[in-house]
Amino acid sequence: MANIKVPKAPTIRRMPTYLHKLMELHAEGAPSVSTTVLANYMNLESIVVRKDLEITGISGQPGVGYKTDELIAAIRNFLGWNNIFEACLVGAGSLGSALLGYEGFEEYGLRISLVFDADPCKIGTSVHGRKIQDISRMSELLKPGMFRLGMICVPTAYAQETADQLVANGITAIWNFANVSLQVPDGVAVQREVIAGGFALLSVKIAQLDAVKNGGE
């Protein structure tokens, strides 16, 4: 199950950005929003936005667009963000600490409630209001049924071992920030984030811009 294929993955990746803009509009008192407004914000064609939003099951009204509050609710429901996901994070280094400091997670239904590390210098200290627990206490602190999601922010060499520990303690979904493919049993979902992948795309775009510039000289 770690290699589950999700239909319309690019569309799903755009949903949080739609939601962010919609919540801004809602806060400003906008009762409705058009696909044009969302398309301009996302730098997409209006037809792409319309097709993206279709997967939530909601339809816009000609000449009016979408009711802002209804579209927010539809996106949240589609993504399963109506309820809070309680998560634990393993690895309170630079990346882990940065994730702990990101305040937007709860807006999207994610709460990091428990943090583990193996470094004696970090255990017992606090990062952004969370006390860092000794990873040796994982079995003791991961209460059955309370945590479903585990976030891995450890060095690559320790990622598989960490995943094994999480799975052994009832975690069924892993958000992996280590640059390694994890092996997990059926019944466990994994999402791997490769930060360098985004930079790779940006690098190619820069090269293309340079090629256009140089070709025009």
Protein backbone atom coordinates (compact mmCIF):
# COMPACT_ATOMS: atom_id res chain seq x y z
CA MET A 1 0.00 0.00 0.00
CA ALA A 2 2.98 2.30 0.25
CA ASN A 3 2.88 2.70 -3.54
CA ILE A 4 -0.82 3.50 -3.83
CA LYS A 5 -1.60 5.40 -7.02
CA VAL A 6 -3.91 8.35 -6.40
CA PRO A 7 -5.98 9.48 -9.41
CA LYS A 8 -5.75 13.19 -10.24
CA ALA A 9 -2.76 13.69 -7.94
CA PRO A 10 -1.85 17.11 -9.49
CA THR A 11 -5.40 18.29 -8.85
CA ILE A 12 -5.26 17.14 -5.25
CA ARG A 13 -1.93 18.92 -4.74
CA ARG A 14 -3.59 22.17 -5.84
CA MET A 15 -6.47 21.86 -3.38
CA PRO A 16 -4.68 23.42 -0.35
CA THR A 17 -3.83 26.49 -2.44
CA TYR A 18 -7.44 26.84 -3.55
CA LEU A 19 -8.50 26.47 0.07
CA HIS A 20 -6.04 29.12 1.25
CA LYS A 21 -7.34 31.66 -1.26
CA LEU A 22 -10.96 30.80 -0.51
CA MET A 23 -10.42 31.30 3.21
CA GLU A 24 -8.87 34.70 2.50
CA LEU A 25 -11.90 35.66 0.40
CA HIS A 26 -14.28 34.36 3.06
CA ALA A 27 -12.51 36.44 5.72
CA GLU A 28 -12.92 39.49 3.47
CA GLY A 29 -16.66 38.83 3.27
CA ALA A 30 -16.81 37.63 -0.34
CA PRO A 31 -19.99 35.50 -0.67
CA SER A 32 -18.95 33.95 -3.97
CA VAL A 33 -15.92 33.40 -6.17
CA SER A 34 -15.50 32.82 -9.89
CA THR A 35 -13.20 30.38 -11.62
CA THR A 36 -11.52 33.40 -13.21
CA VAL A 37 -10.46 34.77 -9.83
CA LEU A 38 -9.06 31.39 -8.76
CA ALA A 39 -7.43 30.84 -12.16
CA ASN A 40 -5.65 34.20 -12.01
CA TYR A 41 -4.46 33.49 -8.48
CA MET A 42 -3.17 30.03 -9.44
CA ASN A 43 -1.85 31.08 -12.87
CA LEU A 44 -4.01 28.42 -14.51
CA GLU A 45 -6.62 28.30 -17.24
CA SER A 46 -10.20 28.64 -16.00
CA ILE A 47 -11.12 25.26 -17.50
CA VAL A 48 -8.41 23.61 -15.38
CA VAL A 49 -9.82 25.19 -12.21
CA ARG A 50 -13.34 24.09 -13.17
CA LYS A 51 -12.22 20.51 -13.74
CA ASP A 52 -10.21 20.53 -10.51
CA LEU A 53 -13.20 21.61 -8.45
CA GLU A 54 -15.49 19.04 -10.08
CA ILE A 55 -13.86 16.26 -8.05
CA THR A 56 -15.22 17.80 -4.85
CA GLY A 57 -18.77 17.21 -6.11
CA ILE A 58 -19.74 20.87 -6.12
CA SER A 59 -20.91 22.88 -9.14
CA GLY A 60 -20.72 26.59 -9.80
CA GLN A 61 -23.59 28.75 -10.99
CA PRO A 62 -23.33 30.51 -14.37
CA GLY A 63 -22.61 34.19 -13.90
CA VAL A 64 -22.17 33.76 -10.15
CA GLY A 65 -19.48 31.16 -9.62
CA TYR A 66 -19.21 29.20 -6.39
CA LYS A 67 -20.52 30.13 -2.98
CA THR A 68 -17.33 30.63 -1.00
CA ASP A 69 -18.42 28.89 2.19
CA GLU A 70 -19.86 25.92 0.29
CA LEU A 71 -16.69 25.48 -1.76
CA ILE A 72 -14.52 25.63 1.38
CA ALA A 73 -16.69 22.94 2.97
CA ALA A 74 -16.61 20.79 -0.18
CA ILE A 75 -12.81 20.89 -0.42
CA ARG A 76 -12.36 20.13 3.28
CA ASN A 77 -14.78 17.22 3.02
CA PHE A 78 -13.06 15.84 -0.10
CA LEU A 79 -9.64 15.98 1.55
CA GLY A 80 -10.92 14.54 4.81
CA TRP A 81 -9.89 17.69 6.68
CA ASN A 82 -13.09 18.06 8.68
CA ASN A 83 -11.40 16.35 11.61
CA ILE A 84 -7.98 16.89 13.17
CA PHE A 85 -5.26 14.33 12.42
CA GLU A 86 -3.13 13.81 15.52
CA ALA A 87 0.45 13.22 14.36
CA CYS A 88 3.79 12.38 15.88
CA LEU A 89 7.07 13.63 14.46
CA VAL A 90 10.41 11.82 14.69
CA GLY A 91 13.55 13.92 14.30
CA ALA A 92 13.70 17.38 15.86
CA GLY A 93 16.63 18.63 13.79
CA SER A 94 16.56 21.62 11.45
CA LEU A 95 13.78 20.31 9.19
CA GLY A 96 11.72 18.79 11.99
CA SER A 97 11.93 22.00 14.01
CA ALA A 98 10.89 24.04 10.99
CA LEU A 99 7.83 21.84 10.49
CA LEU A 100 6.94 22.18 14.16
CA GLY A 101 7.06 25.94 13.73
CA TYR A 102 4.69 25.98 10.76
CA GLU A 103 1.38 27.28 12.06
CA GLY A 104 -0.62 26.43 8.95
CA PHE A 105 -0.93 22.69 9.62
CA GLU A 106 -3.90 22.99 11.97
CA GLU A 107 -5.69 25.07 9.35
CA TYR A 108 -5.51 21.96 7.20
CA GLY A 109 -6.50 19.50 9.90
CA LEU A 110 -3.07 18.36 11.14
CA ARG A 111 -1.84 18.67 14.72
CA ILE A 112 1.66 17.51 15.68
CA SER A 113 1.17 16.53 19.30
CA LEU A 114 4.17 14.33 20.01
CA VAL A 115 7.85 14.71 19.08
CA PHE A 116 10.62 12.10 19.38
CA ASP A 117 14.38 12.28 19.01
CA ALA A 118 17.38 10.14 19.92
CA ASP A 119 19.76 13.00 20.71
CA PRO A 120 20.30 13.26 24.52
CA CYS A 121 20.96 16.99 24.08
CA LYS A 122 17.47 17.51 22.65
CA ILE A 123 15.44 15.13 24.81
CA GLY A 124 13.52 17.06 27.46
CA THR A 125 13.88 20.40 25.70
CA SER A 126 11.01 22.11 23.88
CA VAL A 127 10.63 23.21 20.29
CA HIS A 128 7.75 25.53 19.46
CA GLY A 129 5.90 24.45 22.57
CA ARG A 130 6.36 20.69 22.14
CA LYS A 131 8.52 18.76 24.55
CA ILE A 132 10.92 16.39 22.82
CA GLN A 133 10.54 12.82 24.02
CA ASP A 134 13.12 10.04 24.01
CA ILE A 135 12.46 7.79 21.03
CA SER A 136 12.91 4.81 23.35
CA ARG A 137 9.55 5.79 24.90
CA MET A 138 7.64 5.47 21.62
CA SER A 139 5.81 2.28 22.64
CA GLU A 140 4.83 3.90 25.92
CA LEU A 141 3.62 7.23 24.52
CA LEU A 142 1.93 6.21 21.26
CA LYS A 143 -1.46 5.33 22.68
CA PRO A 144 -3.44 2.81 20.58
CA GLY A 145 -5.90 4.54 18.26
CA MET A 146 -4.79 8.07 19.12
CA PHE A 147 -2.12 8.57 16.48
CA ARG A 148 -2.50 7.45 12.89
CA LEU A 149 0.10 9.62 11.19
CA GLY A 150 3.86 9.67 11.73
CA MET A 151 6.25 12.21 10.21
CA ILE A 152 9.85 11.16 9.57
CA CYS A 153 12.51 13.90 9.62
CA VAL A 154 15.55 11.81 10.54
CA PRO A 155 18.77 11.33 8.51
CA THR A 156 18.41 8.91 5.61
CA ALA A 157 20.40 6.17 7.34
CA TYR A 158 17.82 5.95 10.14
CA ALA A 159 14.63 6.41 8.12
CA GLN A 160 13.77 2.73 7.55
CA GLU A 161 14.41 1.85 11.19
CA THR A 162 12.20 4.75 12.24
CA ALA A 163 9.44 3.65 9.88
CA ASP A 164 9.61 0.14 11.29
CA GLN A 165 9.23 1.52 14.82
CA LEU A 166 6.26 3.66 13.85
CA VAL A 167 4.50 0.78 12.11
CA ALA A 168 5.18 -1.52 15.07
CA ASN A 169 3.43 1.04 17.27
CA GLY A 170 0.26 1.31 15.23
CA ILE A 171 1.06 4.11 12.75
CA THR A 172 -0.69 3.46 9.43
CA ALA A 173 0.30 6.59 7.50
CA ILE A 174 3.83 7.97 7.15
CA TRP A 175 4.85 11.37 5.80
CA ASN A 176 8.47 10.77 4.87
CA PHE A 177 10.83 13.74 4.58
CA ALA A 178 13.95 11.57 4.39
CA ASN A 179 15.33 11.10 0.89
CA VAL A 180 14.83 7.34 0.78
CA SER A 181 12.13 4.93 -0.36
CA LEU A 182 10.66 3.14 2.62
CA GLN A 183 9.57 -0.48 2.73
CA VAL A 184 6.35 -0.88 4.68
CA PRO A 185 3.74 -3.65 4.97
CA ASP A 186 0.34 -3.64 3.31
CA GLY A 187 -2.07 -1.45 5.18
CA VAL A 188 0.43 1.39 5.62
CA ALA A 189 0.37 4.46 3.35
CA VAL A 190 3.51 6.49 2.66
CA GLN A 191 3.94 9.92 1.13
CA ARG A 192 7.53 10.82 0.33
CA GLU A 193 8.52 14.47 0.06
CA VAL A 194 11.69 15.15 -1.90
CA ILE A 195 12.56 18.80 -1.34
CA ALA A 196 15.25 18.70 -4.01
CA GLY A 197 12.55 17.77 -6.54
CA GLY A 198 11.06 21.25 -6.35
CA PHE A 199 14.47 22.82 -6.78
CA ALA A 200 15.14 20.54 -9.75
CA LEU A 201 12.03 21.88 -11.50
CA LEU A 202 13.02 25.46 -10.69
CA SER A 203 16.52 24.84 -12.06
CA VAL A 204 15.09 23.59 -15.35
CA LYS A 205 12.84 26.66 -15.57
CA ILE A 206 15.87 28.92 -15.00
CA ALA A 207 17.75 27.08 -17.74
CA GLN A 208 14.82 27.53 -20.11
CA LEU A 209 14.64 31.25 -19.35
CA ASP A 210 18.37 31.57 -19.95
CA ALA A 211 18.03 29.69 -23.25
CA VAL A 212 15.27 32.06 -24.41
CA LYS A 213 17.29 35.08 -23.31
CA ASN A 214 20.48 33.92 -24.98
CA GLY A 215 18.62 32.91 -28.10
CA GLY A 216 17.20 36.40 -28.42
CA GLU A 217 20.56 38.13 -28.18
